[in-house]
Amino acid sequence: MSALLHDLLTRLDQWHTTLQAWGWLGVFGYALALVVLQMGFIPLAIFGVAAGAIFGFGKGLLAITIGTNIGAVVNFLLSRYVARGAVTRYLAHHEKFRLIDAAIGREGGKIIALLRLCPMPFGLANYAYGLTAIRFWPYFIATFLAIIPANCFFVWLGTTAQEGLSAATGTGHARHPGEYVLMGVGLVAAFCALNYIARVAKAAVSKGEPAADEAPAA
């Protein structure tokens, strides 16, 4: 997986100028590439950072938002209506999935939203949710809203890194040292906020697990 990821990033670097030159076509092409990548369980975080570096914050966020949401829909529908048997066999030995399934059965979109804030493989999670009892629209709305913080963070990180590199190499406007301090503080604050949200979400989901594991009284 690491070798594949390295190859993808190398090719992405080579396509940097081309994607920018394509304008909006490059943005939508990048989004579709994310859909394909998440179907194969490729981690998307680094590609969120790359989107910010290539397109800037606005277009980068649009690209990753389109890609992650379409990917969430595609995997969900594939799992529910096409590849249900294969996905079920893959998750058969995952005890955590049984507990999550029971929790989603009780809480629906609320649990999906909380799980989206936890560090879980995005593509695999999409397949897994297709096997649960949740209906499509609660799943989609919860996904759309809950992945906004992480998408913004990764794209912002890429945008900031690219701007800093441009300034350092003389291809961008010169920055005051205070700007770098503010960027560093913002980066640490954003990371801490996402980490805190993830811990709160994980605790909330774990709190419901014992209840999910209890058998109904005879």
N, C-alpha and C. Protein backbone atom coordinates (compact mmCIF):
# COMPACT_ATOMS: atom_id res chain seq x y z
N MET A 1 0.83 -1.21 0.00
CA MET A 1 0.00 0.00 0.00
C MET A 1 0.86 1.25 0.00
N SER A 2 1.96 1.27 0.81
CA SER A 2 2.82 2.44 0.89
C SER A 2 3.49 2.72 -0.46
N ALA A 3 3.90 1.66 -1.16
CA ALA A 3 4.53 1.84 -2.47
C ALA A 3 3.53 2.41 -3.47
N LEU A 4 2.29 1.92 -3.41
CA LEU A 4 1.25 2.42 -4.31
C LEU A 4 0.96 3.88 -4.02
N LEU A 5 0.88 4.22 -2.75
CA LEU A 5 0.61 5.59 -2.35
C LEU A 5 1.74 6.52 -2.82
N HIS A 6 2.98 6.06 -2.66
CA HIS A 6 4.12 6.85 -3.10
C HIS A 6 4.07 7.09 -4.61
N ASP A 7 3.71 6.06 -5.35
CA ASP A 7 3.62 6.18 -6.81
C ASP A 7 2.52 7.17 -7.21
N LEU A 8 1.38 7.10 -6.50
CA LEU A 8 0.27 8.01 -6.79
C LEU A 8 0.67 9.46 -6.53
N LEU A 9 1.38 9.68 -5.42
CA LEU A 9 1.79 11.04 -5.07
C LEU A 9 2.83 11.57 -6.05
N THR A 10 3.71 10.69 -6.51
CA THR A 10 4.71 11.09 -7.50
C THR A 10 4.03 11.53 -8.79
N ARG A 11 3.06 10.74 -9.23
CA ARG A 11 2.34 11.08 -10.45
C ARG A 11 1.53 12.37 -10.27
N LEU A 12 0.98 12.54 -9.07
CA LEU A 12 0.21 13.74 -8.78
C LEU A 12 1.09 14.98 -8.87
N ASP A 13 2.31 14.88 -8.37
CA ASP A 13 3.25 16.00 -8.46
C ASP A 13 3.55 16.34 -9.92
N GLN A 14 3.67 15.30 -10.74
CA GLN A 14 3.94 15.51 -12.16
C GLN A 14 2.75 16.17 -12.87
N TRP A 15 1.54 15.91 -12.35
CA TRP A 15 0.33 16.45 -12.96
C TRP A 15 -0.05 17.81 -12.40
N HIS A 16 0.73 18.32 -11.46
CA HIS A 16 0.39 19.56 -10.77
C HIS A 16 0.06 20.70 -11.74
N THR A 17 1.01 20.99 -12.63
CA THR A 17 0.83 22.09 -13.58
C THR A 17 -0.33 21.83 -14.54
N THR A 18 -0.45 20.56 -14.97
CA THR A 18 -1.51 20.21 -15.91
C THR A 18 -2.89 20.42 -15.30
N LEU A 19 -3.06 19.99 -14.05
CA LEU A 19 -4.35 20.13 -13.37
C LEU A 19 -4.71 21.60 -13.20
N GLN A 20 -3.73 22.41 -12.88
CA GLN A 20 -3.99 23.84 -12.76
C GLN A 20 -4.40 24.45 -14.10
N ALA A 21 -3.70 24.00 -15.16
CA ALA A 21 -3.98 24.54 -16.50
C ALA A 21 -5.38 24.16 -16.97
N TRP A 22 -5.89 23.04 -16.52
CA TRP A 22 -7.22 22.58 -16.94
C TRP A 22 -8.35 23.39 -16.31
N GLY A 23 -8.02 24.18 -15.30
CA GLY A 23 -9.05 24.99 -14.65
C GLY A 23 -10.10 24.13 -13.95
N TRP A 24 -11.38 24.45 -14.22
CA TRP A 24 -12.47 23.73 -13.55
C TRP A 24 -12.53 22.26 -13.96
N LEU A 25 -12.10 21.96 -15.18
CA LEU A 25 -12.06 20.57 -15.61
C LEU A 25 -11.08 19.77 -14.75
N GLY A 26 -9.98 20.41 -14.37
CA GLY A 26 -9.02 19.76 -13.49
C GLY A 26 -9.60 19.52 -12.11
N VAL A 27 -10.40 20.46 -11.61
CA VAL A 27 -11.03 20.32 -10.30
C VAL A 27 -11.97 19.11 -10.29
N PHE A 28 -12.84 19.03 -11.29
CA PHE A 28 -13.81 17.93 -11.34
C PHE A 28 -13.13 16.60 -11.65
N GLY A 29 -12.06 16.64 -12.47
CA GLY A 29 -11.31 15.42 -12.73
C GLY A 29 -10.65 14.90 -11.47
N TYR A 30 -10.13 15.81 -10.67
CA TYR A 30 -9.50 15.43 -9.40
C TYR A 30 -10.55 14.81 -8.47
N ALA A 31 -11.74 15.40 -8.44
CA ALA A 31 -12.81 14.87 -7.60
C ALA A 31 -13.17 13.44 -7.99
N LEU A 32 -13.27 13.17 -9.28
CA LEU A 32 -13.59 11.83 -9.75
C LEU A 32 -12.48 10.84 -9.42
N ALA A 33 -11.23 11.32 -9.46
CA ALA A 33 -10.11 10.46 -9.09
C ALA A 33 -10.21 10.05 -7.62
N LEU A 34 -10.66 10.96 -6.77
CA LEU A 34 -10.83 10.64 -5.36
C LEU A 34 -11.90 9.56 -5.15
N VAL A 35 -12.94 9.61 -5.97
CA VAL A 35 -13.99 8.58 -5.90
C VAL A 35 -13.39 7.20 -6.15
N VAL A 36 -12.57 7.10 -7.19
CA VAL A 36 -11.94 5.82 -7.53
C VAL A 36 -10.97 5.38 -6.43
N LEU A 37 -10.19 6.30 -5.91
CA LEU A 37 -9.19 5.97 -4.89
C LEU A 37 -9.84 5.42 -3.63
N GLN A 38 -10.92 6.05 -3.16
CA GLN A 38 -11.53 5.59 -1.92
C GLN A 38 -12.22 4.24 -2.11
N MET A 39 -12.60 3.91 -3.33
CA MET A 39 -13.19 2.59 -3.58
C MET A 39 -12.17 1.49 -3.33
N GLY A 40 -10.89 1.80 -3.49
CA GLY A 40 -9.83 0.83 -3.24
C GLY A 40 -9.18 0.98 -1.89
N PHE A 41 -9.83 1.72 -0.96
CA PHE A 41 -9.35 1.91 0.41
C PHE A 41 -8.08 2.75 0.49
N ILE A 42 -7.76 3.55 -0.55
CA ILE A 42 -6.59 4.42 -0.51
C ILE A 42 -6.88 5.57 0.45
N PRO A 43 -5.98 5.87 1.40
CA PRO A 43 -6.21 7.00 2.31
C PRO A 43 -6.34 8.31 1.55
N LEU A 44 -7.34 9.11 1.92
CA LEU A 44 -7.62 10.33 1.17
C LEU A 44 -7.05 11.59 1.81
N ALA A 45 -6.58 11.51 3.04
CA ALA A 45 -6.12 12.71 3.74
C ALA A 45 -5.02 13.43 2.96
N ILE A 46 -4.03 12.68 2.49
CA ILE A 46 -2.92 13.30 1.78
C ILE A 46 -3.38 13.93 0.47
N PHE A 47 -4.42 13.38 -0.12
CA PHE A 47 -4.94 13.95 -1.36
C PHE A 47 -5.77 15.20 -1.09
N GLY A 48 -6.30 15.30 0.14
CA GLY A 48 -6.96 16.54 0.55
C GLY A 48 -5.93 17.65 0.68
N VAL A 49 -4.77 17.32 1.27
CA VAL A 49 -3.68 18.29 1.37
C VAL A 49 -3.21 18.70 -0.02
N ALA A 50 -3.06 17.71 -0.90
CA ALA A 50 -2.61 17.99 -2.27
C ALA A 50 -3.61 18.87 -3.01
N ALA A 51 -4.90 18.68 -2.76
CA ALA A 51 -5.91 19.51 -3.42
C ALA A 51 -5.73 20.97 -3.07
N GLY A 52 -5.43 21.24 -1.80
CA GLY A 52 -5.20 22.62 -1.39
C GLY A 52 -3.95 23.20 -2.01
N ALA A 53 -2.90 22.38 -2.13
CA ALA A 53 -1.64 22.84 -2.72
C ALA A 53 -1.79 23.12 -4.21
N ILE A 54 -2.60 22.33 -4.88
CA ILE A 54 -2.75 22.47 -6.34
C ILE A 54 -3.73 23.56 -6.72
N PHE A 55 -4.92 23.55 -6.09
CA PHE A 55 -6.00 24.43 -6.53
C PHE A 55 -6.24 25.65 -5.65
N GLY A 56 -5.62 25.68 -4.46
CA GLY A 56 -5.98 26.72 -3.50
C GLY A 56 -7.15 26.27 -2.64
N PHE A 57 -7.51 27.06 -1.65
CA PHE A 57 -8.51 26.60 -0.68
C PHE A 57 -9.89 26.40 -1.30
N GLY A 58 -10.39 27.39 -2.02
CA GLY A 58 -11.76 27.31 -2.53
C GLY A 58 -11.99 26.14 -3.48
N LYS A 59 -11.20 26.08 -4.55
CA LYS A 59 -11.36 25.01 -5.52
C LYS A 59 -10.92 23.67 -4.94
N GLY A 60 -9.91 23.69 -4.09
CA GLY A 60 -9.45 22.45 -3.47
C GLY A 60 -10.53 21.85 -2.58
N LEU A 61 -11.19 22.70 -1.79
CA LEU A 61 -12.27 22.22 -0.93
C LEU A 61 -13.43 21.69 -1.76
N LEU A 62 -13.74 22.37 -2.86
CA LEU A 62 -14.82 21.91 -3.73
C LEU A 62 -14.48 20.53 -4.30
N ALA A 63 -13.23 20.35 -4.74
CA ALA A 63 -12.83 19.08 -5.33
C ALA A 63 -12.95 17.94 -4.34
N ILE A 64 -12.44 18.14 -3.13
CA ILE A 64 -12.46 17.04 -2.16
C ILE A 64 -13.87 16.83 -1.60
N THR A 65 -14.67 17.89 -1.54
CA THR A 65 -16.05 17.74 -1.07
C THR A 65 -16.86 16.91 -2.06
N ILE A 66 -16.72 17.23 -3.35
CA ILE A 66 -17.42 16.45 -4.38
C ILE A 66 -16.94 15.01 -4.37
N GLY A 67 -15.61 14.82 -4.33
CA GLY A 67 -15.05 13.47 -4.39
C GLY A 67 -15.45 12.60 -3.22
N THR A 68 -15.37 13.14 -2.00
CA THR A 68 -15.68 12.33 -0.83
C THR A 68 -17.18 12.02 -0.73
N ASN A 69 -18.02 12.98 -1.11
CA ASN A 69 -19.46 12.73 -1.01
C ASN A 69 -19.95 11.77 -2.09
N ILE A 70 -19.45 11.92 -3.31
CA ILE A 70 -19.83 10.96 -4.35
C ILE A 70 -19.29 9.58 -3.99
N GLY A 71 -18.06 9.53 -3.47
CA GLY A 71 -17.49 8.25 -3.05
C GLY A 71 -18.31 7.59 -1.97
N ALA A 72 -18.79 8.39 -1.02
CA ALA A 72 -19.61 7.84 0.06
C ALA A 72 -20.89 7.23 -0.49
N VAL A 73 -21.47 7.88 -1.49
CA VAL A 73 -22.71 7.39 -2.11
C VAL A 73 -22.44 6.11 -2.91
N VAL A 74 -21.38 6.12 -3.72
CA VAL A 74 -21.06 4.96 -4.57
C VAL A 74 -20.80 3.72 -3.74
N ASN A 75 -19.95 3.83 -2.73
CA ASN A 75 -19.63 2.66 -1.91
C ASN A 75 -20.85 2.15 -1.15
N PHE A 76 -21.63 3.08 -0.63
CA PHE A 76 -22.84 2.71 0.11
C PHE A 76 -23.80 1.91 -0.77
N LEU A 77 -24.04 2.41 -1.98
CA LEU A 77 -24.98 1.74 -2.88
C LEU A 77 -24.42 0.42 -3.41
N LEU A 78 -23.11 0.37 -3.68
CA LEU A 78 -22.50 -0.88 -4.11
C LEU A 78 -22.64 -1.95 -3.04
N SER A 79 -22.36 -1.54 -1.79
CA SER A 79 -22.44 -2.49 -0.69
C SER A 79 -23.86 -2.98 -0.46
N ARG A 80 -24.82 -2.08 -0.58
CA ARG A 80 -26.21 -2.43 -0.27
C ARG A 80 -26.89 -3.24 -1.38
N TYR A 81 -26.54 -2.94 -2.65
CA TYR A 81 -27.29 -3.55 -3.75
C TYR A 81 -26.48 -4.42 -4.70
N VAL A 82 -25.16 -4.33 -4.66
CA VAL A 82 -24.36 -5.07 -5.64
C VAL A 82 -23.40 -6.06 -4.99
N ALA A 83 -22.53 -5.57 -4.13
CA ALA A 83 -21.46 -6.42 -3.58
C ALA A 83 -21.71 -6.77 -2.11
N ARG A 84 -22.96 -6.92 -1.74
CA ARG A 84 -23.29 -7.16 -0.34
C ARG A 84 -22.62 -8.42 0.22
N GLY A 85 -22.61 -9.49 -0.57
CA GLY A 85 -22.01 -10.73 -0.09
C GLY A 85 -20.53 -10.59 0.18
N ALA A 86 -19.80 -9.97 -0.74
CA ALA A 86 -18.36 -9.82 -0.58
C ALA A 86 -18.03 -8.93 0.61
N VAL A 87 -18.75 -7.83 0.77
CA VAL A 87 -18.49 -6.92 1.88
C VAL A 87 -18.84 -7.58 3.20
N THR A 88 -19.92 -8.35 3.22
CA THR A 88 -20.31 -9.04 4.44
C THR A 88 -19.24 -10.03 4.88
N ARG A 89 -18.69 -10.76 3.92
CA ARG A 89 -17.63 -11.73 4.26
C ARG A 89 -16.38 -11.00 4.77
N TYR A 90 -16.09 -9.86 4.18
CA TYR A 90 -14.89 -9.11 4.60
C TYR A 90 -15.03 -8.60 6.04
N LEU A 91 -16.27 -8.23 6.41
CA LEU A 91 -16.50 -7.66 7.74
C LEU A 91 -16.97 -8.70 8.76
N ALA A 92 -17.03 -9.95 8.35
CA ALA A 92 -17.58 -11.00 9.21
C ALA A 92 -16.84 -11.14 10.53
N HIS A 93 -15.54 -10.91 10.52
CA HIS A 93 -14.74 -11.11 11.73
C HIS A 93 -14.47 -9.80 12.48
N HIS A 94 -15.15 -8.74 12.08
CA HIS A 94 -14.98 -7.45 12.74
C HIS A 94 -16.06 -7.30 13.82
N GLU A 95 -15.70 -7.57 15.07
CA GLU A 95 -16.65 -7.46 16.17
C GLU A 95 -17.17 -6.02 16.30
N LYS A 96 -16.28 -5.08 16.03
CA LYS A 96 -16.66 -3.67 16.14
C LYS A 96 -17.81 -3.34 15.20
N PHE A 97 -17.81 -3.96 14.04
CA PHE A 97 -18.86 -3.65 13.06
C PHE A 97 -20.23 -4.07 13.59
N ARG A 98 -20.30 -5.22 14.27
CA ARG A 98 -21.59 -5.67 14.80
C ARG A 98 -22.13 -4.66 15.82
N LEU A 99 -21.25 -4.12 16.64
CA LEU A 99 -21.67 -3.13 17.64
C LEU A 99 -22.09 -1.83 16.96
N ILE A 100 -21.35 -1.43 15.95
CA ILE A 100 -21.69 -0.21 15.21
C ILE A 100 -23.04 -0.38 14.52
N ASP A 101 -23.26 -1.55 13.95
CA ASP A 101 -24.51 -1.84 13.26
C ASP A 101 -25.69 -1.69 14.22
N ALA A 102 -25.54 -2.23 15.43
CA ALA A 102 -26.61 -2.14 16.42
C ALA A 102 -26.83 -0.69 16.84
N ALA A 103 -25.73 0.06 17.00
CA ALA A 103 -25.84 1.46 17.40
C ALA A 103 -26.53 2.28 16.32
N ILE A 104 -26.19 2.03 15.07
CA ILE A 104 -26.81 2.76 13.95
C ILE A 104 -28.29 2.40 13.87
N GLY A 105 -28.62 1.16 14.17
CA GLY A 105 -30.02 0.75 14.17
C GLY A 105 -30.85 1.54 15.15
N ARG A 106 -30.21 1.96 16.28
CA ARG A 106 -30.92 2.73 17.29
C ARG A 106 -30.92 4.23 17.00
N GLU A 107 -29.77 4.74 16.58
CA GLU A 107 -29.60 6.19 16.49
C GLU A 107 -29.54 6.74 15.06
N GLY A 108 -29.29 5.88 14.07
CA GLY A 108 -29.27 6.31 12.68
C GLY A 108 -28.18 7.32 12.36
N GLY A 109 -28.60 8.45 11.77
CA GLY A 109 -27.67 9.45 11.28
C GLY A 109 -26.78 10.03 12.35
N LYS A 110 -27.26 10.09 13.59
CA LYS A 110 -26.44 10.64 14.68
C LYS A 110 -25.16 9.84 14.86
N ILE A 111 -25.26 8.52 14.84
CA ILE A 111 -24.09 7.66 15.00
C ILE A 111 -23.18 7.78 13.78
N ILE A 112 -23.76 7.85 12.59
CA ILE A 112 -22.96 8.02 11.38
C ILE A 112 -22.12 9.30 11.48
N ALA A 113 -22.76 10.39 11.91
CA ALA A 113 -22.05 11.67 12.03
C ALA A 113 -20.90 11.57 13.02
N LEU A 114 -21.13 10.91 14.15
CA LEU A 114 -20.08 10.76 15.15
C LEU A 114 -18.95 9.88 14.63
N LEU A 115 -19.30 8.79 13.94
CA LEU A 115 -18.28 7.90 13.41
C LEU A 115 -17.44 8.59 12.34
N ARG A 116 -18.04 9.52 11.60
CA ARG A 116 -17.29 10.25 10.58
C ARG A 116 -16.21 11.12 11.21
N LEU A 117 -16.37 11.47 12.47
CA LEU A 117 -15.38 12.28 13.17
C LEU A 117 -14.28 11.44 13.79
N CYS A 118 -14.43 10.12 13.73
CA CYS A 118 -13.41 9.21 14.26
C CYS A 118 -12.45 8.82 13.14
N PRO A 119 -11.19 8.52 13.49
CA PRO A 119 -10.21 8.13 12.46
C PRO A 119 -10.45 6.71 11.96
N MET A 120 -11.32 6.58 10.97
CA MET A 120 -11.64 5.28 10.38
C MET A 120 -11.38 5.36 8.87
N PRO A 121 -10.95 4.26 8.24
CA PRO A 121 -10.74 4.27 6.78
C PRO A 121 -12.02 4.68 6.06
N PHE A 122 -11.97 5.74 5.28
CA PHE A 122 -13.17 6.33 4.68
C PHE A 122 -13.88 5.36 3.74
N GLY A 123 -13.12 4.76 2.81
CA GLY A 123 -13.74 3.86 1.84
C GLY A 123 -14.36 2.65 2.48
N LEU A 124 -13.64 2.02 3.41
CA LEU A 124 -14.16 0.83 4.09
C LEU A 124 -15.40 1.17 4.89
N ALA A 125 -15.38 2.31 5.56
CA ALA A 125 -16.54 2.73 6.35
C ALA A 125 -17.77 2.89 5.46
N ASN A 126 -17.59 3.46 4.27
CA ASN A 126 -18.72 3.63 3.35
C ASN A 126 -19.35 2.29 2.97
N TYR A 127 -18.50 1.31 2.69
CA TYR A 127 -19.00 -0.03 2.38
C TYR A 127 -19.75 -0.61 3.58
N ALA A 128 -19.17 -0.43 4.76
CA ALA A 128 -19.75 -1.01 5.97
C ALA A 128 -21.14 -0.43 6.25
N TYR A 129 -21.30 0.88 6.08
CA TYR A 129 -22.58 1.50 6.37
C TYR A 129 -23.68 1.04 5.42
N GLY A 130 -23.29 0.58 4.23
CA GLY A 130 -24.28 0.06 3.30
C GLY A 130 -24.94 -1.21 3.79
N LEU A 131 -24.30 -1.89 4.73
CA LEU A 131 -24.85 -3.13 5.28
C LEU A 131 -25.76 -2.90 6.48
N THR A 132 -25.77 -1.67 7.00
CA THR A 132 -26.56 -1.39 8.18
C THR A 132 -28.00 -1.05 7.79
N ALA A 133 -28.81 -0.80 8.81
CA ALA A 133 -30.23 -0.54 8.59
C ALA A 133 -30.53 0.91 8.24
N ILE A 134 -29.52 1.77 8.24
CA ILE A 134 -29.78 3.19 8.02
C ILE A 134 -30.29 3.44 6.61
N ARG A 135 -31.21 4.39 6.48
CA ARG A 135 -31.73 4.77 5.17
C ARG A 135 -30.73 5.70 4.47
N PHE A 136 -30.89 5.83 3.15
CA PHE A 136 -29.90 6.56 2.37
C PHE A 136 -29.79 8.03 2.75
N TRP A 137 -30.91 8.75 2.82
CA TRP A 137 -30.83 10.19 3.03
C TRP A 137 -30.28 10.58 4.39
N PRO A 138 -30.69 9.93 5.49
CA PRO A 138 -30.03 10.23 6.78
C PRO A 138 -28.52 9.96 6.73
N TYR A 139 -28.14 8.88 6.04
CA TYR A 139 -26.72 8.55 5.87
C TYR A 139 -26.00 9.65 5.11
N PHE A 140 -26.57 10.09 4.00
CA PHE A 140 -25.91 11.08 3.16
C PHE A 140 -25.81 12.43 3.86
N ILE A 141 -26.88 12.88 4.49
CA ILE A 141 -26.87 14.18 5.17
C ILE A 141 -25.86 14.18 6.31
N ALA A 142 -25.85 13.09 7.10
CA ALA A 142 -24.90 13.00 8.21
C ALA A 142 -23.47 13.00 7.71
N THR A 143 -23.22 12.28 6.61
CA THR A 143 -21.88 12.23 6.03
C THR A 143 -21.46 13.59 5.51
N PHE A 144 -22.34 14.24 4.75
CA PHE A 144 -22.04 15.54 4.15
C PHE A 144 -21.63 16.56 5.20
N LEU A 145 -22.38 16.61 6.29
CA LEU A 145 -22.11 17.60 7.33
C LEU A 145 -20.88 17.24 8.17
N ALA A 146 -20.73 15.95 8.49
CA ALA A 146 -19.69 15.56 9.44
C ALA A 146 -18.29 15.57 8.86
N ILE A 147 -18.14 15.45 7.54
CA ILE A 147 -16.79 15.42 6.98
C ILE A 147 -16.28 16.82 6.61
N ILE A 148 -17.11 17.84 6.81
CA ILE A 148 -16.68 19.21 6.49
C ILE A 148 -15.45 19.63 7.29
N PRO A 149 -15.40 19.43 8.62
CA PRO A 149 -14.22 19.89 9.39
C PRO A 149 -12.91 19.29 8.89
N ALA A 150 -12.88 17.97 8.67
CA ALA A 150 -11.64 17.32 8.23
C ALA A 150 -11.26 17.78 6.82
N ASN A 151 -12.24 17.89 5.94
CA ASN A 151 -11.95 18.35 4.57
C ASN A 151 -11.35 19.75 4.59
N CYS A 152 -11.94 20.64 5.37
CA CYS A 152 -11.42 22.01 5.46
C CYS A 152 -10.01 22.02 6.01
N PHE A 153 -9.76 21.19 7.02
CA PHE A 153 -8.44 21.17 7.65
C PHE A 153 -7.36 20.72 6.67
N PHE A 154 -7.61 19.62 5.97
CA PHE A 154 -6.58 19.08 5.08
C PHE A 154 -6.33 20.02 3.89
N VAL A 155 -7.40 20.59 3.33
CA VAL A 155 -7.22 21.51 2.21
C VAL A 155 -6.51 22.77 2.67
N TRP A 156 -6.88 23.29 3.82
CA TRP A 156 -6.21 24.47 4.36
C TRP A 156 -4.74 24.21 4.61
N LEU A 157 -4.43 23.02 5.10
CA LEU A 157 -3.03 22.64 5.33
C LEU A 157 -2.24 22.67 4.03
N GLY A 158 -2.81 22.12 2.98
CA GLY A 158 -2.14 22.12 1.69
C GLY A 158 -1.98 23.52 1.11
N THR A 159 -3.02 24.34 1.26
CA THR A 159 -2.96 25.71 0.77
C THR A 159 -1.88 26.51 1.49
N THR A 160 -1.84 26.36 2.80
CA THR A 160 -0.86 27.07 3.61
C THR A 160 0.56 26.63 3.27
N ALA A 161 0.76 25.33 3.11
CA ALA A 161 2.08 24.81 2.78
C ALA A 161 2.55 25.33 1.43
N GLN A 162 1.65 25.37 0.47
CA GLN A 162 2.00 25.84 -0.87
C GLN A 162 2.36 27.33 -0.85
N GLU A 163 1.59 28.11 -0.10
CA GLU A 163 1.87 29.54 -0.02
C GLU A 163 3.22 29.79 0.65
N GLY A 164 3.52 29.01 1.69
CA GLY A 164 4.80 29.15 2.37
C GLY A 164 5.96 28.79 1.46
N LEU A 165 5.78 27.72 0.67
CA LEU A 165 6.83 27.31 -0.27
C LEU A 165 7.05 28.36 -1.35
N SER A 166 5.98 28.94 -1.85
CA SER A 166 6.09 29.97 -2.88
C SER A 166 6.84 31.19 -2.36
N ALA A 167 6.54 31.57 -1.12
CA ALA A 167 7.21 32.72 -0.53
C ALA A 167 8.69 32.44 -0.31
N ALA A 168 9.00 31.20 0.12
CA ALA A 168 10.38 30.84 0.41
C ALA A 168 11.23 30.79 -0.86
N THR A 169 10.62 30.41 -1.98
CA THR A 169 11.36 30.29 -3.24
C THR A 169 11.31 31.57 -4.07
N GLY A 170 10.60 32.58 -3.57
CA GLY A 170 10.54 33.85 -4.28
C GLY A 170 9.50 33.91 -5.36
N THR A 171 8.64 32.89 -5.47
CA THR A 171 7.60 32.89 -6.51
C THR A 171 6.28 33.46 -6.02
N GLY A 172 6.23 33.77 -4.73
CA GLY A 172 5.02 34.35 -4.16
C GLY A 172 5.38 35.63 -3.42
N HIS A 173 4.38 36.28 -2.79
CA HIS A 173 4.68 37.53 -2.09
C HIS A 173 5.41 37.24 -0.79
N ALA A 174 6.30 38.15 -0.40
CA ALA A 174 7.07 37.97 0.82
C ALA A 174 6.16 38.05 2.04
N ARG A 175 6.41 37.20 3.01
CA ARG A 175 5.58 37.15 4.21
C ARG A 175 6.32 37.73 5.40
N HIS A 176 5.57 38.36 6.25
CA HIS A 176 6.12 38.85 7.51
C HIS A 176 6.31 37.66 8.44
N PRO A 177 7.38 37.66 9.26
CA PRO A 177 7.60 36.52 10.18
C PRO A 177 6.38 36.21 11.04
N GLY A 178 5.62 37.26 11.37
CA GLY A 178 4.44 37.05 12.21
C GLY A 178 3.40 36.17 11.53
N GLU A 179 3.36 36.21 10.18
CA GLU A 179 2.41 35.38 9.45
C GLU A 179 2.71 33.90 9.64
N TYR A 180 4.01 33.57 9.66
CA TYR A 180 4.38 32.17 9.85
C TYR A 180 4.02 31.70 11.26
N VAL A 181 4.18 32.62 12.23
CA VAL A 181 3.79 32.28 13.61
C VAL A 181 2.30 32.00 13.68
N LEU A 182 1.51 32.87 13.05
CA LEU A 182 0.06 32.69 13.05
C LEU A 182 -0.34 31.40 12.34
N MET A 183 0.34 31.10 11.22
CA MET A 183 0.03 29.86 10.50
C MET A 183 0.35 28.65 11.36
N GLY A 184 1.49 28.72 12.09
CA GLY A 184 1.86 27.61 12.95
C GLY A 184 0.87 27.41 14.08
N VAL A 185 0.46 28.52 14.70
CA VAL A 185 -0.52 28.45 15.78
C VAL A 185 -1.85 27.91 15.25
N GLY A 186 -2.24 28.39 14.06
CA GLY A 186 -3.49 27.91 13.47
C GLY A 186 -3.46 26.43 13.16
N LEU A 187 -2.31 25.95 12.67
CA LEU A 187 -2.16 24.54 12.36
C LEU A 187 -2.29 23.69 13.60
N VAL A 188 -1.58 24.09 14.67
CA VAL A 188 -1.63 23.33 15.93
C VAL A 188 -3.04 23.36 16.51
N ALA A 189 -3.68 24.54 16.45
CA ALA A 189 -5.03 24.66 17.00
C ALA A 189 -6.02 23.79 16.23
N ALA A 190 -5.90 23.79 14.89
CA ALA A 190 -6.80 22.98 14.07
C ALA A 190 -6.60 21.49 14.34
N PHE A 191 -5.33 21.08 14.46
CA PHE A 191 -5.05 19.67 14.73
C PHE A 191 -5.60 19.26 16.08
N CYS A 192 -5.39 20.11 17.10
CA CYS A 192 -5.89 19.80 18.44
C CYS A 192 -7.42 19.73 18.46
N ALA A 193 -8.06 20.64 17.71
CA ALA A 193 -9.52 20.66 17.67
C ALA A 193 -10.06 19.37 17.04
N LEU A 194 -9.47 18.96 15.91
CA LEU A 194 -9.91 17.73 15.26
C LEU A 194 -9.66 16.52 16.13
N ASN A 195 -8.51 16.51 16.82
CA ASN A 195 -8.19 15.39 17.70
C ASN A 195 -9.17 15.32 18.86
N TYR A 196 -9.53 16.48 19.41
CA TYR A 196 -10.50 16.52 20.51
C TYR A 196 -11.87 16.04 20.05
N ILE A 197 -12.30 16.53 18.88
CA ILE A 197 -13.59 16.11 18.33
C ILE A 197 -13.62 14.61 18.11
N ALA A 198 -12.50 14.05 17.60
CA ALA A 198 -12.43 12.61 17.35
C ALA A 198 -12.54 11.83 18.65
N ARG A 199 -11.90 12.32 19.72
CA ARG A 199 -11.95 11.61 21.00
C ARG A 199 -13.35 11.67 21.60
N VAL A 200 -13.99 12.83 21.47
CA VAL A 200 -15.36 12.96 21.98
C VAL A 200 -16.30 12.04 21.22
N ALA A 201 -16.14 12.00 19.89
CA ALA A 201 -16.99 11.14 19.07
C ALA A 201 -16.77 9.66 19.40
N LYS A 202 -15.52 9.28 19.57
CA LYS A 202 -15.21 7.88 19.90
C LYS A 202 -15.80 7.50 21.24
N ALA A 203 -15.72 8.41 22.21
CA ALA A 203 -16.28 8.14 23.53
C ALA A 203 -17.80 8.00 23.47
N ALA A 204 -18.43 8.85 22.65
CA ALA A 204 -19.89 8.79 22.52
C ALA A 204 -20.34 7.48 21.89
N VAL A 205 -19.59 7.03 20.87
CA VAL A 205 -19.93 5.76 20.22
C VAL A 205 -19.68 4.59 21.15
N SER A 206 -18.54 4.62 21.86
CA SER A 206 -18.19 3.53 22.78
C SER A 206 -19.19 3.42 23.92
N LYS A 207 -19.74 4.55 24.32
CA LYS A 207 -20.71 4.56 25.41
C LYS A 207 -21.93 3.73 25.08
N GLY A 208 -22.29 3.67 23.82
CA GLY A 208 -23.46 2.91 23.40
C GLY A 208 -23.19 1.46 23.10
N GLU A 209 -21.91 1.06 23.10
CA GLU A 209 -21.58 -0.30 22.72
C GLU A 209 -22.08 -1.37 23.70
N PRO A 210 -21.92 -1.17 25.02
CA PRO A 210 -22.42 -2.19 25.93
C PRO A 210 -23.90 -2.45 25.74
N ALA A 211 -24.67 -1.36 25.55
CA ALA A 211 -26.10 -1.54 25.34
C ALA A 211 -26.38 -2.30 24.07
N ALA A 212 -25.54 -2.04 23.06
CA ALA A 212 -25.73 -2.72 21.79
C ALA A 212 -25.43 -4.20 21.89
N ASP A 213 -24.57 -4.55 22.87
CA ASP A 213 -24.12 -5.93 22.99
C ASP A 213 -25.04 -6.76 23.86
N GLU A 214 -25.99 -6.10 24.58
CA GLU A 214 -26.87 -6.84 25.47
C GLU A 214 -27.94 -7.57 24.70
N ALA A 215 -28.23 -8.79 25.11
CA ALA A 215 -29.29 -9.58 24.49
C ALA A 215 -30.62 -9.19 25.09
N PRO A 216 -31.69 -9.21 24.33
CA PRO A 216 -33.01 -8.85 24.88
C PRO A 216 -33.44 -9.86 25.93
N ALA A 217 -34.12 -9.38 26.93
CA ALA A 217 -34.57 -10.26 28.02
C ALA A 217 -35.61 -11.23 27.51
N ALA A 218 -35.55 -12.45 28.04
CA ALA A 218 -36.49 -13.47 27.61
C ALA A 218 -37.87 -13.22 28.18
